[in-house]
PDB file of N, CA and C in Angstrom:
ATOM      1  N   MET A   1      14.780  86.243   0.881  1.00  0.00           N
ATOM      2  CA  MET A   1      15.299  85.325   1.728  1.00  0.00           C
ATOM      3  C   MET A   1      15.689  85.546   3.125  1.00  0.00           C
ATOM      4  N   SER A   2      16.256  87.151   3.037  1.00  0.00           N
ATOM      5  CA  SER A   2      16.415  87.569   4.716  1.00  0.00           C
ATOM      6  C   SER A   2      15.231  87.890   5.235  1.00  0.00           C
ATOM      7  N   ASP A   3      14.144  88.570   4.706  1.00  0.00           N
ATOM      8  CA  ASP A   3      13.038  88.674   5.116  1.00  0.00           C
ATOM      9  C   ASP A   3      12.265  87.746   5.384  1.00  0.00           C
ATOM     10  N   ASP A   4      12.166  86.426   4.921  1.00  0.00           N
ATOM     11  CA  ASP A   4      11.651  84.912   5.012  1.00  0.00           C
ATOM     12  C   ASP A   4      12.166  84.852   6.703  1.00  0.00           C
ATOM     13  N   ILE A   5      13.243  84.535   6.632  1.00  0.00           N
ATOM     14  CA  ILE A   5      14.115  84.287   7.860  1.00  0.00           C
ATOM     15  C   ILE A   5      13.746  85.137   9.210  1.00  0.00           C
ATOM     16  N   LEU A   6      13.699  86.379   8.906  1.00  0.00           N
ATOM     17  CA  LEU A   6      13.638  87.574  10.136  1.00  0.00           C
ATOM     18  C   LEU A   6      12.009  87.207  10.396  1.00  0.00           C
ATOM     19  N   SER A   7      11.165  86.824   9.439  1.00  0.00           N
ATOM     20  CA  SER A   7       9.620  86.450   9.395  1.00  0.00           C
ATOM     21  C   SER A   7       9.504  85.325  10.579  1.00  0.00           C
ATOM     22  N   ARG A   8      10.266  84.518   9.961  1.00  0.00           N
ATOM     23  CA  ARG A   8      10.327  82.832  10.931  1.00  0.00           C
ATOM     24  C   ARG A   8      11.084  83.097  12.111  1.00  0.00           C
ATOM     25  N   ALA A   9      11.486  84.041  12.866  1.00  0.00           N
ATOM     26  CA  ALA A   9      12.197  84.251  13.407  1.00  0.00           C
ATOM     27  C   ALA A   9      11.163  85.020  14.531  1.00  0.00           C
ATOM     28  N   THR A  10      10.746  85.948  13.764  1.00  0.00           N
ATOM     29  CA  THR A  10       9.790  86.774  14.876  1.00  0.00           C
ATOM     30  C   THR A  10       8.809  86.036  15.116  1.00  0.00           C
ATOM     31  N   ASP A  11       7.897  85.076  14.395  1.00  0.00           N
ATOM     32  CA  ASP A  11       6.759  83.803  14.945  1.00  0.00           C
ATOM     33  C   ASP A  11       7.742  83.312  15.781  1.00  0.00           C
ATOM     34  N   MET A  12       8.662  82.270  15.815  1.00  0.00           N
ATOM     35  CA  MET A  12       9.377  81.588  16.932  1.00  0.00           C
ATOM     36  C   MET A  12       9.091  82.387  17.866  1.00  0.00           C
ATOM     37  N   LEU A  13       9.506  83.595  18.433  1.00  0.00           N
ATOM     38  CA  LEU A  13      10.367  84.486  19.531  1.00  0.00           C
ATOM     39  C   LEU A  13       8.743  84.748  20.158  1.00  0.00           C
ATOM     40  N   ASN A  14       7.424  85.034  18.858  1.00  0.00           N
ATOM     41  CA  ASN A  14       6.136  85.749  19.804  1.00  0.00           C
ATOM     42  C   ASN A  14       5.654  84.122  20.458  1.00  0.00           C
ATOM     43  N   ARG A  15       5.479  83.254  19.795  1.00  0.00           N
ATOM     44  CA  ARG A  15       5.358  81.988  20.603  1.00  0.00           C
ATOM     45  C   ARG A  15       6.176  81.456  21.697  1.00  0.00           C
ATOM     46  N   VAL A  16       7.013  81.576  21.740  1.00  0.00           N
ATOM     47  CA  VAL A  16       7.686  81.199  22.697  1.00  0.00           C
ATOM     48  C   VAL A  16       7.521  82.035  23.960  1.00  0.00           C
ATOM     49  N   ARG A  17       7.641  83.485  23.558  1.00  0.00           N
ATOM     50  CA  ARG A  17       6.996  84.423  24.676  1.00  0.00           C
ATOM     51  C   ARG A  17       5.568  84.140  24.979  1.00  0.00           C
ATOM     52  N   GLY A  18       4.490  83.958  24.228  1.00  0.00           N
ATOM     53  CA  GLY A  18       3.232  83.630  24.226  1.00  0.00           C
ATOM     54  C   GLY A  18       3.112  82.497  25.463  1.00  0.00           C
ATOM     55  N   GLU A  19       3.901  81.257  25.383  1.00  0.00           N
ATOM     56  CA  GLU A  19       3.775  80.224  25.958  1.00  0.00           C
ATOM     57  C   GLU A  19       4.702  80.160  27.161  1.00  0.00           C
ATOM     58  N   SER A  20       5.970  81.299  27.539  1.00  0.00           N
ATOM     59  CA  SER A  20       6.858  81.372  29.141  1.00  0.00           C
ATOM     60  C   SER A  20       6.579  82.395  29.808  1.00  0.00           C
ATOM     61  N   ILE A  21       6.614  83.569  29.063  1.00  0.00           N
ATOM     62  CA  ILE A  21       7.031  84.582  30.212  1.00  0.00           C
ATOM     63  C   ILE A  21       5.452  85.348  30.058  1.00  0.00           C
ATOM     64  N   SER A  22       4.407  84.970  29.447  1.00  0.00           N
ATOM     65  CA  SER A  22       3.152  85.438  29.212  1.00  0.00           C
ATOM     66  C   SER A  22       2.179  85.169  30.617  1.00  0.00           C
ATOM     67  N   VAL A  23       0.909  86.242  30.770  1.00  0.00           N
ATOM     68  CA  VAL A  23       0.192  85.929  31.637  1.00  0.00           C
ATOM     69  C   VAL A  23      -1.159  86.103  30.664  1.00  0.00           C
ATOM     70  N   ALA A  24      -2.293  85.422  32.084  1.00  0.00           N
ATOM     71  CA  ALA A  24      -3.875  85.759  30.910  1.00  0.00           C
ATOM     72  C   ALA A  24      -4.646  86.936  31.340  1.00  0.00           C
ATOM     73  N   ILE A  25      -4.801  87.757  30.221  1.00  0.00           N
ATOM     74  CA  ILE A  25      -5.422  88.923  30.005  1.00  0.00           C
ATOM     75  C   ILE A  25      -7.178  88.810  30.060  1.00  0.00           C
ATOM     76  N   THR A  26      -7.458  90.077  30.134  1.00  0.00           N
ATOM     77  CA  THR A  26      -9.147  90.126  29.561  1.00  0.00           C
ATOM     78  C   THR A  26      -8.886  91.750  29.284  1.00  0.00           C
ATOM     79  N   TYR A  27      -9.415  91.746  27.991  1.00  0.00           N
ATOM     80  CA  TYR A  27      -9.065  93.350  27.243  1.00  0.00           C
ATOM     81  C   TYR A  27     -10.922  93.851  26.849  1.00  0.00           C
ATOM     82  N   HIS A  28     -10.756  94.888  27.643  1.00  0.00           N
ATOM     83  CA  HIS A  28     -12.168  95.467  27.493  1.00  0.00           C
ATOM     84  C   HIS A  28     -12.209  96.611  26.801  1.00  0.00           C
ATOM     85  N   ARG A  29     -13.185  96.891  26.072  1.00  0.00           N
ATOM     86  CA  ARG A  29     -13.778  97.828  25.468  1.00  0.00           C
ATOM     87  C   ARG A  29     -15.121  97.859  25.851  1.00  0.00           C
ATOM     88  N   GLY A  30     -16.109  98.905  26.189  1.00  0.00           N
ATOM     89  CA  GLY A  30     -17.115  98.687  26.552  1.00  0.00           C
ATOM     90  C   GLY A  30     -17.729  96.855  27.009  1.00  0.00           C
ATOM     91  N   ASP A  31     -18.723  97.080  26.538  1.00  0.00           N
ATOM     92  CA  ASP A  31     -19.090  95.350  26.769  1.00  0.00           C
ATOM     93  C   ASP A  31     -18.617  94.333  26.191  1.00  0.00           C
ATOM     94  N   ASP A  32     -17.362  94.729  25.159  1.00  0.00           N
ATOM     95  CA  ASP A  32     -16.639  93.617  24.368  1.00  0.00           C
ATOM     96  C   ASP A  32     -15.661  93.162  25.325  1.00  0.00           C
ATOM     97  N   THR A  33     -15.070  91.860  24.814  1.00  0.00           N
ATOM     98  CA  THR A  33     -13.733  90.974  25.753  1.00  0.00           C
ATOM     99  C   THR A  33     -13.604  90.518  25.026  1.00  0.00           C
ATOM    100  N   ILE A  34     -12.076  90.484  24.816  1.00  0.00           N
ATOM    101  CA  ILE A  34     -11.180  89.530  24.389  1.00  0.00           C
ATOM    102  C   ILE A  34      -9.947  88.566  25.396  1.00  0.00           C
ATOM    103  N   GLU A  35     -10.291  87.826  25.153  1.00  0.00           N
ATOM    104  CA  GLU A  35      -9.761  86.413  26.464  1.00  0.00           C
ATOM    105  C   GLU A  35      -8.050  86.364  25.626  1.00  0.00           C
ATOM    106  N   MET A  36      -7.045  86.402  26.076  1.00  0.00           N
ATOM    107  CA  MET A  36      -5.623  86.310  25.680  1.00  0.00           C
ATOM    108  C   MET A  36      -4.685  86.686  26.235  1.00  0.00           C
ATOM    109  N   ARG A  37      -3.393  85.844  25.920  1.00  0.00           N
ATOM    110  CA  ARG A  37      -2.526  86.221  27.050  1.00  0.00           C
ATOM    111  C   ARG A  37      -1.068  87.541  26.297  1.00  0.00           C
ATOM    112  N   ALA A  38      -0.759  87.973  27.078  1.00  0.00           N
ATOM    113  CA  ALA A  38       0.341  88.940  27.110  1.00  0.00           C
ATOM    114  C   ALA A  38       1.566  88.601  27.624  1.00  0.00           C
ATOM    115  N   THR A  39       2.440  89.637  27.994  1.00  0.00           N
ATOM    116  CA  THR A  39       3.858  90.312  27.950  1.00  0.00           C
ATOM    117  C   THR A  39       3.677  91.330  28.866  1.00  0.00           C
ATOM    118  N   ARG A  40       4.555  91.215  30.071  1.00  0.00           N
ATOM    119  CA  ARG A  40       4.207  92.514  30.808  1.00  0.00           C
ATOM    120  C   ARG A  40       5.738  93.392  30.658  1.00  0.00           C
ATOM    121  N   GLY A  41       5.605  94.173  30.397  1.00  0.00           N
ATOM    122  CA  GLY A  41       6.858  95.446  30.031  1.00  0.00           C
ATOM    123  C   GLY A  41       6.599  96.703  30.740  1.00  0.00           C
ATOM    124  N   ARG A  42       7.570  97.417  30.564  1.00  0.00           N
ATOM    125  CA  ARG A  42       7.362  98.747  31.204  1.00  0.00           C
ATOM    126  C   ARG A  42       8.287  99.845  30.294  1.00  0.00           C
ATOM    127  N   THR A  43       7.477 100.803  30.082  1.00  0.00           N
ATOM    128  CA  THR A  43       8.022 102.421  29.291  1.00  0.00           C
ATOM    129  C   THR A  43       8.710 103.468  30.128  1.00  0.00           C
ATOM    130  N   PRO A  44       9.338 103.922  30.276  1.00  0.00           N
ATOM    131  CA  PRO A  44       9.790 105.452  31.033  1.00  0.00           C
ATOM    132  C   PRO A  44       9.850 106.607  29.855  1.00  0.00           C
ATOM    133  N   TYR A  45       8.750 107.273  30.515  1.00  0.00           N
ATOM    134  CA  TYR A  45       8.818 108.470  29.760  1.00  0.00           C
ATOM    135  C   TYR A  45       9.087 109.660  30.830  1.00  0.00           C
ATOM    136  N   GLU A  46       9.325 110.920  30.479  1.00  0.00           N
ATOM    137  CA  GLU A  46       9.368 112.213  31.551  1.00  0.00           C
ATOM    138  C   GLU A  46       7.788 112.752  30.915  1.00  0.00           C
ATOM    139  N   ARG A  47       7.724 113.444  32.120  1.00  0.00           N
ATOM    140  CA  ARG A  47       6.432 113.802  32.019  1.00  0.00           C
ATOM    141  C   ARG A  47       6.215 115.588  32.909  1.00  0.00           C
ATOM    142  N   SER A  48       5.930 116.654  32.587  1.00  0.00           N
ATOM    143  CA  SER A  48       5.765 118.097  33.100  1.00  0.00           C
ATOM    144  C   SER A  48       4.119 117.781  34.349  1.00  0.00           C
ATOM    145  N   ASP A  49       5.269 118.192  36.058  1.00  0.00           N
ATOM    146  CA  ASP A  49       3.825 118.453  36.591  1.00  0.00           C
ATOM    147  C   ASP A  49       3.241 119.671  36.606  1.00  0.00           C
ATOM    148  N   GLU A  50       1.820 119.782  37.516  1.00  0.00           N
ATOM    149  CA  GLU A  50       1.373 121.111  37.828  1.00  0.00           C
ATOM    150  C   GLU A  50       2.234 121.940  37.772  1.00  0.00           C
ATOM    151  N   GLY A  51       3.210 122.291  38.461  1.00  0.00           N
ATOM    152  CA  GLY A  51       4.755 123.149  38.734  1.00  0.00           C
ATOM    153  C   GLY A  51       5.056 123.400  37.524  1.00  0.00           C
ATOM    154  N   GLY A  52       5.231 122.568  36.248  1.00  0.00           N
ATOM    155  CA  GLY A  52       6.446 122.623  35.486  1.00  0.00           C
ATOM    156  C   GLY A  52       7.276 122.293  35.262  1.00  0.00           C
ATOM    157  N   PHE A  53       7.471 121.385  36.824  1.00  0.00           N
ATOM    158  CA  PHE A  53       8.839 120.473  36.913  1.00  0.00           C
ATOM    159  C   PHE A  53       8.688 118.868  36.071  1.00  0.00           C
ATOM    160  N   THR A  54       9.762 118.773  35.574  1.00  0.00           N
ATOM    161  CA  THR A  54       9.491 117.572  34.692  1.00  0.00           C
ATOM    162  C   THR A  54      10.065 116.216  35.768  1.00  0.00           C
ATOM    163  N   VAL A  55       9.399 115.290  35.752  1.00  0.00           N
ATOM    164  CA  VAL A  55       9.209 114.254  36.204  1.00  0.00           C
ATOM    165  C   VAL A  55       9.129 112.878  35.337  1.00  0.00           C
ATOM    166  N   GLN A  56      10.029 112.059  36.286  1.00  0.00           N
ATOM    167  CA  GLN A  56      10.371 110.597  35.348  1.00  0.00           C
ATOM    168  C   GLN A  56       9.041 110.061  35.742  1.00  0.00           C
ATOM    169  N   ALA A  57       8.456 108.954  34.845  1.00  0.00           N
ATOM    170  CA  ALA A  57       7.552 108.119  34.874  1.00  0.00           C
ATOM    171  C   ALA A  57       7.603 106.558  34.236  1.00  0.00           C
ATOM    172  N   ALA A  58       6.895 106.204  34.327  1.00  0.00           N
ATOM    173  CA  ALA A  58       6.638 104.849  33.852  1.00  0.00           C
ATOM    174  C   ALA A  58       5.191 104.590  33.068  1.00  0.00           C
ATOM    175  N   THR A  59       4.994 103.713  32.438  1.00  0.00           N
ATOM    176  CA  THR A  59       3.434 102.992  32.413  1.00  0.00           C
ATOM    177  C   THR A  59       3.895 101.581  32.390  1.00  0.00           C
ATOM    178  N   MET A  60       2.871 100.740  33.113  1.00  0.00           N
ATOM    179  CA  MET A  60       2.612  99.383  33.138  1.00  0.00           C
ATOM    180  C   MET A  60       1.997  98.272  31.388  1.00  0.00           C
ATOM    181  N   ASP A  61       3.206  98.368  30.607  1.00  0.00           N
ATOM    182  CA  ASP A  61       2.987  97.845  28.922  1.00  0.00           C
ATOM    183  C   ASP A  61       2.602  96.374  29.194  1.00  0.00           C
ATOM    184  N   PHE A  62       1.420  96.127  28.287  1.00  0.00           N
ATOM    185  CA  PHE A  62       1.144  94.537  27.806  1.00  0.00           C
ATOM    186  C   PHE A  62       1.461  94.361  26.559  1.00  0.00           C
ATOM    187  N   ILE A  63       2.490  93.324  26.156  1.00  0.00           N
ATOM    188  CA  ILE A  63       2.986  92.896  24.428  1.00  0.00           C
ATOM    189  C   ILE A  63       1.621  91.870  24.076  1.00  0.00           C
ATOM    190  N   VAL A  64       1.037  92.048  23.088  1.00  0.00           N
ATOM    191  CA  VAL A  64      -0.094  90.695  22.753  1.00  0.00           C
ATOM    192  C   VAL A  64      -0.036  91.165  21.017  1.00  0.00           C
ATOM    193  N   LEU A  65      -0.180  89.647  20.492  1.00  0.00           N
ATOM    194  CA  LEU A  65      -0.457  89.884  19.117  1.00  0.00           C
ATOM    195  C   LEU A  65      -1.285  90.589  18.888  1.00  0.00           C
ATOM    196  N   VAL A  66      -1.116  91.123  17.692  1.00  0.00           N
ATOM    197  CA  VAL A  66      -2.169  91.813  16.835  1.00  0.00           C
ATOM    198  C   VAL A  66      -2.962  91.061  16.471  1.00  0.00           C
ATOM    199  N   SER A  67      -3.111  89.977  15.829  1.00  0.00           N
ATOM    200  CA  SER A  67      -4.235  88.658  15.835  1.00  0.00           C
ATOM    201  C   SER A  67      -5.112  88.304  16.589  1.00  0.00           C
ATOM    202  N   ASP A  68      -4.526  88.672  18.146  1.00  0.00           N
ATOM    203  CA  ASP A  68      -5.769  88.467  18.923  1.00  0.00           C
ATOM    204  C   ASP A  68      -6.501  89.906  19.205  1.00  0.00           C
ATOM    205  N   MET A  69      -6.147  90.402  18.613  1.00  0.00           N
ATOM    206  CA  MET A  69      -6.766  92.030  18.905  1.00  0.00           C
ATOM    207  C   MET A  69      -7.967  91.998  17.952  1.00  0.00           C
ATOM    208  N   GLU A  70      -9.110  91.145  17.820  1.00  0.00           N
ATOM    209  CA  GLU A  70     -10.371  90.967  17.409  1.00  0.00           C
ATOM    210  C   GLU A  70     -11.393  91.164  18.197  1.00  0.00           C
ATOM    211  N   ILE A  71     -12.670  91.762  17.679  1.00  0.00           N
ATOM    212  CA  ILE A  71     -14.029  91.595  18.193  1.00  0.00           C
ATOM    213  C   ILE A  71     -15.239  91.418  17.530  1.00  0.00           C
ATOM    214  N   ASP A  72     -15.946  90.468  17.366  1.00  0.00           N
ATOM    215  CA  ASP A  72     -16.447  90.095  16.407  1.00  0.00           C
ATOM    216  C   ASP A  72     -15.976  89.766  14.902  1.00  0.00           C
ATOM    217  N   GLY A  73     -14.703  89.497  15.086  1.00  0.00           N
ATOM    218  CA  GLY A  73     -14.037  89.102  13.632  1.00  0.00           C
ATOM    219  C   GLY A  73     -13.274  90.107  12.918  1.00  0.00           C
ATOM    220  N   ALA A  74     -13.747  91.408  13.536  1.00  0.00           N
ATOM    221  CA  ALA A  74     -13.248  92.693  13.232  1.00  0.00           C
ATOM    222  C   ALA A  74     -11.754  93.112  14.007  1.00  0.00           C
ATOM    223  N   ALA A  75     -10.836  93.350  13.194  1.00  0.00           N
ATOM    224  CA  ALA A  75      -9.328  93.812  13.633  1.00  0.00           C
ATOM    225  C   ALA A  75      -9.651  95.319  14.590  1.00  0.00           C
ATOM    226  N   ILE A  76      -8.720  95.313  16.215  1.00  0.00           N
ATOM    227  CA  ILE A  76      -9.508  96.411  16.552  1.00  0.00           C
ATOM    228  C   ILE A  76      -7.713  96.906  17.180  1.00  0.00           C
ATOM    229  N   ARG A  77      -7.708  98.386  17.276  1.00  0.00           N
ATOM    230  CA  ARG A  77      -6.545  98.759  17.759  1.00  0.00           C
ATOM    231  C   ARG A  77      -6.656  99.315  19.503  1.00  0.00           C
ATOM    232  N   PRO A  78      -5.541  99.490  19.805  1.00  0.00           N
ATOM    233  CA  PRO A  78      -5.705  99.828  21.616  1.00  0.00           C
ATOM    234  C   PRO A  78      -6.433 101.339  21.307  1.00  0.00           C
ATOM    235  N   ARG A  79      -7.229 101.191  22.208  1.00  0.00           N
ATOM    236  CA  ARG A  79      -7.810 102.962  22.710  1.00  0.00           C
ATOM    237  C   ARG A  79      -7.567 103.386  23.810  1.00  0.00           C
ATOM    238  N   VAL A  80      -7.599 104.296  24.051  1.00  0.00           N
ATOM    239  CA  VAL A  80      -7.403 105.376  25.324  1.00  0.00           C
ATOM    240  C   VAL A  80      -8.787 104.986  25.975  1.00  0.00           C
ATOM    241  N   GLY A  81      -8.934 104.515  26.991  1.00  0.00           N
ATOM    242  CA  GLY A  81     -10.053 103.946  27.951  1.00  0.00           C
ATOM    243  C   GLY A  81     -10.398 102.937  28.288  1.00  0.00           C
ATOM    244  N   ASP A  82      -9.701 102.204  27.090  1.00  0.00           N
ATOM    245  CA  ASP A  82      -9.809 100.501  27.161  1.00  0.00           C
ATOM    246  C   ASP A  82      -8.893 100.056  28.222  1.00  0.00           C
ATOM    247  N   THR A  83      -9.636  98.866  28.573  1.00  0.00           N
ATOM    248  CA  THR A  83      -8.903  98.517  29.824  1.00  0.00           C
ATOM    249  C   THR A  83      -8.373  96.897  30.123  1.00  0.00           C
ATOM    250  N   ILE A  84      -7.937  96.219  30.931  1.00  0.00           N
ATOM    251  CA  ILE A  84      -6.829  95.385  30.743  1.00  0.00           C
ATOM    252  C   ILE A  84      -7.008  94.880  31.979  1.00  0.00           C
ATOM    253  N   GLU A  85      -7.341  93.658  32.331  1.00  0.00           N
ATOM    254  CA  GLU A  85      -7.686  92.976  33.151  1.00  0.00           C
ATOM    255  C   GLU A  85      -6.602  91.567  33.338  1.00  0.00           C
ATOM    256  N   ILE A  86      -6.047  91.559  34.568  1.00  0.00           N
ATOM    257  CA  ILE A  86      -4.859  89.745  34.631  1.00  0.00           C
ATOM    258  C   ILE A  86      -5.803  89.061  34.996  1.00  0.00           C
ATOM    259  N   THR A  87      -6.206  88.072  34.258  1.00  0.00           N
ATOM    260  CA  THR A  87      -7.502  87.141  34.974  1.00  0.00           C
ATOM    261  C   THR A  87      -6.917  85.620  35.672  1.00  0.00           C
ATOM    262  N   PRO A  88      -7.095  84.988  36.409  1.00  0.00           N
ATOM    263  CA  PRO A  88      -8.252  85.513  37.059  1.00  0.00           C
ATOM    264  C   PRO A  88      -8.308  86.635  38.293  1.00  0.00           C
ATOM    265  N   GLY A  89      -9.316  87.452  38.230  1.00  0.00           N
ATOM    266  CA  GLY A  89      -9.290  88.336  39.447  1.00  0.00           C
ATOM    267  C   GLY A  89      -7.735  89.286  39.588  1.00  0.00           C
ATOM    268  N   GLY A  90      -7.165  89.659  38.804  1.00  0.00           N
ATOM    269  CA  GLY A  90      -5.786  90.720  39.194  1.00  0.00           C
ATOM    270  C   GLY A  90      -6.646  91.746  39.107  1.00  0.00           C
ATOM    271  N   SER A  91      -5.546  92.711  39.026  1.00  0.00           N
ATOM    272  CA  SER A  91      -5.459  94.089  38.756  1.00  0.00           C
ATOM    273  C   SER A  91      -5.974  95.176  37.620  1.00  0.00           C
ATOM    274  N   ILE A  92      -6.423  96.029  37.565  1.00  0.00           N
ATOM    275  CA  ILE A  92      -7.083  96.373  36.250  1.00  0.00           C
ATOM    276  C   ILE A  92      -6.107  97.489  36.416  1.00  0.00           C
ATOM    277  N   TYR A  93      -6.094  97.358  34.479  1.00  0.00           N
ATOM    278  CA  TYR A  93      -5.075  98.605  34.223  1.00  0.00           C
ATOM    279  C   TYR A  93      -5.855  99.518  32.655  1.00  0.00           C
ATOM    280  N   GLN A  94      -5.801 100.720  32.550  1.00  0.00           N
ATOM    281  CA  GLN A  94      -6.633 101.638  31.628  1.00  0.00           C
ATOM    282  C   GLN A  94      -5.758 101.919  30.849  1.00  0.00           C
ATOM    283  N   VAL A  95      -5.840 101.851  29.604  1.00  0.00           N
ATOM    284  CA  VAL A  95      -5.351 102.340  28.171  1.00  0.00           C
ATOM    285  C   VAL A  95      -4.975 103.720  28.439  1.00  0.00           C
ATOM    286  N   VAL A  96      -3.594 104.347  28.421  1.00  0.00           N
ATOM    287  CA  VAL A  96      -3.516 105.912  28.650  1.00  0.00           C
ATOM    288  C   VAL A  96      -2.306 106.596  27.263  1.00  0.00           C
ATOM    289  N   ASP A  97      -2.318 107.336  26.929  1.00  0.00           N
ATOM    290  CA  ASP A  97      -1.759 107.874  25.980  1.00  0.00           C
ATOM    291  C   ASP A  97      -0.580 108.799  26.792  1.00  0.00           C
ATOM    292  N   ILE A  98       0.996 108.228  26.227  1.00  0.00           N
ATOM    293  CA  ILE A  98       2.000 109.174  26.731  1.00  0.00           C
ATOM    294  C   ILE A  98       1.859 110.334  25.725  1.00  0.00           C
ATOM    295  N   GLY A  99       2.485 111.111  25.491  1.00  0.00           N
ATOM    296  CA  GLY A  99       2.468 112.328  24.925  1.00  0.00           C
ATOM    297  C   GLY A  99       3.894 111.987  23.768  1.00  0.00           C
ATOM    298  N   GLY A 100       3.676 111.976  22.737  1.00  0.00           N
ATOM    299  CA  GLY A 100       4.398 112.012  21.679  1.00  0.00           C
ATOM    300  C   GLY A 100       4.725 110.307  21.193  1.00  0.00           C
ATOM    301  N   ILE A 101       3.789 109.657  21.965  1.00  0.00           N
ATOM    302  CA  ILE A 101       3.939 108.019  21.829  1.00  0.00           C
ATOM    303  C   ILE A 101       2.793 107.536  21.564  1.00  0.00           C
ATOM    304  N   GLY A 102       1.940 108.109  21.925  1.00  0.00           N
ATOM    305  CA  GLY A 102       0.392 107.299  21.872  1.00  0.00           C
ATOM    306  C   GLY A 102       0.041 106.369  22.768  1.00  0.00           C
ATOM    307  N   CYS A 103      -0.944 105.340  22.564  1.00  0.00           N
ATOM    308  CA  CYS A 103      -1.204 104.768  23.462  1.00  0.00           C
ATOM    309  C   CYS A 103      -0.767 103.337  23.556  1.00  0.00           C
ATOM    310  N   TYR A 104      -0.037 103.128  21.999  1.00  0.00           N
ATOM    311  CA  TYR A 104      -0.008 101.658  22.004  1.00  0.00           C
ATOM    312  C   TYR A 104       1.791 101.919  20.736  1.00  0.00           C
ATOM    313  N   GLN A 105       2.295 101.077  20.638  1.00  0.00           N
ATOM    314  CA  GLN A 105       3.558 101.530  19.472  1.00  0.00           C
ATOM    315  C   GLN A 105       3.218  99.747  18.463  1.00  0.00           C
ATOM    316  N   ALA A 106       3.442  99.263  17.310  1.00  0.00           N
ATOM    317  CA  ALA A 106       3.744  98.527  16.522  1.00  0.00           C
ATOM    318  C   ALA A 106       4.944  97.963  16.927  1.00  0.00           C
ATOM    319  N   ILE A 107       5.303  96.569  17.158  1.00  0.00           N
ATOM    320  CA  ILE A 107       6.389  96.004  17.362  1.00  0.00           C
ATOM    321  C   ILE A 107       6.907  94.791  16.808  1.00  0.00           C
ATOM    322  N   ALA A 108       7.915  94.080  16.528  1.00  0.00           N
ATOM    323  CA  ALA A 108       8.100  92.776  16.285  1.00  0.00           C
ATOM    324  C   ALA A 108       7.384  92.745  15.055  1.00  0.00           C
ATOM    325  N   LEU A 109       7.947  93.524  13.536  1.00  0.00           N
ATOM    326  CA  LEU A 109       7.620  93.154  12.369  1.00  0.00           C
ATOM    327  C   LEU A 109       6.002  93.577  12.510  1.00  0.00           C
ATOM    328  N   ASP A 110       5.793  94.423  13.022  1.00  0.00           N
ATOM    329  CA  ASP A 110       3.814  94.212  13.107  1.00  0.00           C
ATOM    330  C   ASP A 110       3.138  93.659  13.842  1.00  0.00           C
ATOM    331  N   THR A 111       3.331  92.756  14.263  1.00  0.00           N
ATOM    332  CA  THR A 111       2.726  91.238  14.729  1.00  0.00           C
ATOM    333  C   THR A 111       2.513  91.549  15.910  1.00  0.00           C
ATOM    334  N   CYS A 112       2.913  92.664  16.736  1.00  0.00           N
ATOM    335  CA  CYS A 112       2.488  92.493  18.616  1.00  0.00           C
ATOM    336  C   CYS A 112       2.313  94.484  18.998  1.00  0.00           C
ATOM    337  N   TYR A 113       1.425  94.326  19.863  1.00  0.00           N
ATOM    338  CA  TYR A 113       0.951  95.900  20.221  1.00  0.00           C
ATOM    339  C   TYR A 113       1.546  96.001  21.425  1.00  0.00           C
ATOM    340  N   ARG A 114       2.630  97.083  21.931  1.00  0.00           N
ATOM    341  CA  ARG A 114       2.888  97.581  23.104  1.00  0.00           C
ATOM    342  C   ARG A 114       1.629  98.175  23.538  1.00  0.00           C
ATOM    343  N   ILE A 115       1.209  97.866  24.499  1.00  0.00           N
ATOM    344  CA  ILE A 115      -0.297  98.734  25.020  1.00  0.00           C
ATOM    345  C   ILE A 115       0.423  99.578  26.276  1.00  0.00           C
ATOM    346  N   HIS A 116       0.411 100.386  26.298  1.00  0.00           N
ATOM    347  CA  HIS A 116       0.733 100.983  27.450  1.00  0.00           C
ATOM    348  C   HIS A 116      -0.503 101.743  28.735  1.00  0.00           C
ATOM    349  N   THR A 117      -0.134 101.825  29.620  1.00  0.00           N
ATOM    350  CA  THR A 117      -1.499 101.375  30.893  1.00  0.00           C
ATOM    351  C   THR A 117      -0.965 102.195  31.856  1.00  0.00           C
ATOM    352  N   ALA A 118      -2.135 102.736  32.483  1.00  0.00           N
ATOM    353  CA  ALA A 118      -1.507 102.566  33.863  1.00  0.00           C
ATOM    354  C   ALA A 118      -2.720 101.817  35.329  1.00  0.00           C
ATOM    355  N   ILE A 119      -2.315 101.476  36.176  1.00  0.00           N
ATOM    356  CA  ILE A 119      -3.136 101.169  37.294  1.00  0.00           C
ATOM    357  C   ILE A 119      -4.106 101.848  37.778  1.00  0.00           C
ATOM    358  N   ILE A 120      -5.577 101.265  37.447  1.00  0.00           N
ATOM    359  CA  ILE A 120      -6.789 101.694  38.086  1.00  0.00           C
ATOM    360  C   ILE A 120      -7.273 100.982  39.740  1.00  0.00           C
ATOM    361  N   GLY A 121      -6.855  99.783  39.353  1.00  0.00           N
ATOM    362  CA  GLY A 121      -7.671  98.807  40.569  1.00  0.00           C
ATOM    363  C   GLY A 121      -7.002  97.949  40.934  1.00  0.00           C
TER     364      GLY A 121
END
């Protein structure tokens, strides 16, 4: 029973997020594209610079529905090097790996991907 309530609540929150606070994006992998909506976020992390000093940084994240991540009917997962364009005519971001975390995280009962990116254009 509690799993059903949690699933319904997650579905409702995903729907509200998609309708209210999301932006239109185009996800690019090679010549393939996916039109969808995403919510923007950010993930702070630490990294070492060339001199060995710890630097605080953050990625621009895009939260998308797992069910939207399909190319030619096949489910895909985010991959380093893929790009996300805010449409129409917005900035372009490249999917990046955060050491120890990877390039994405499955969240919200595995119904969404939080994709980590850096601006490239």
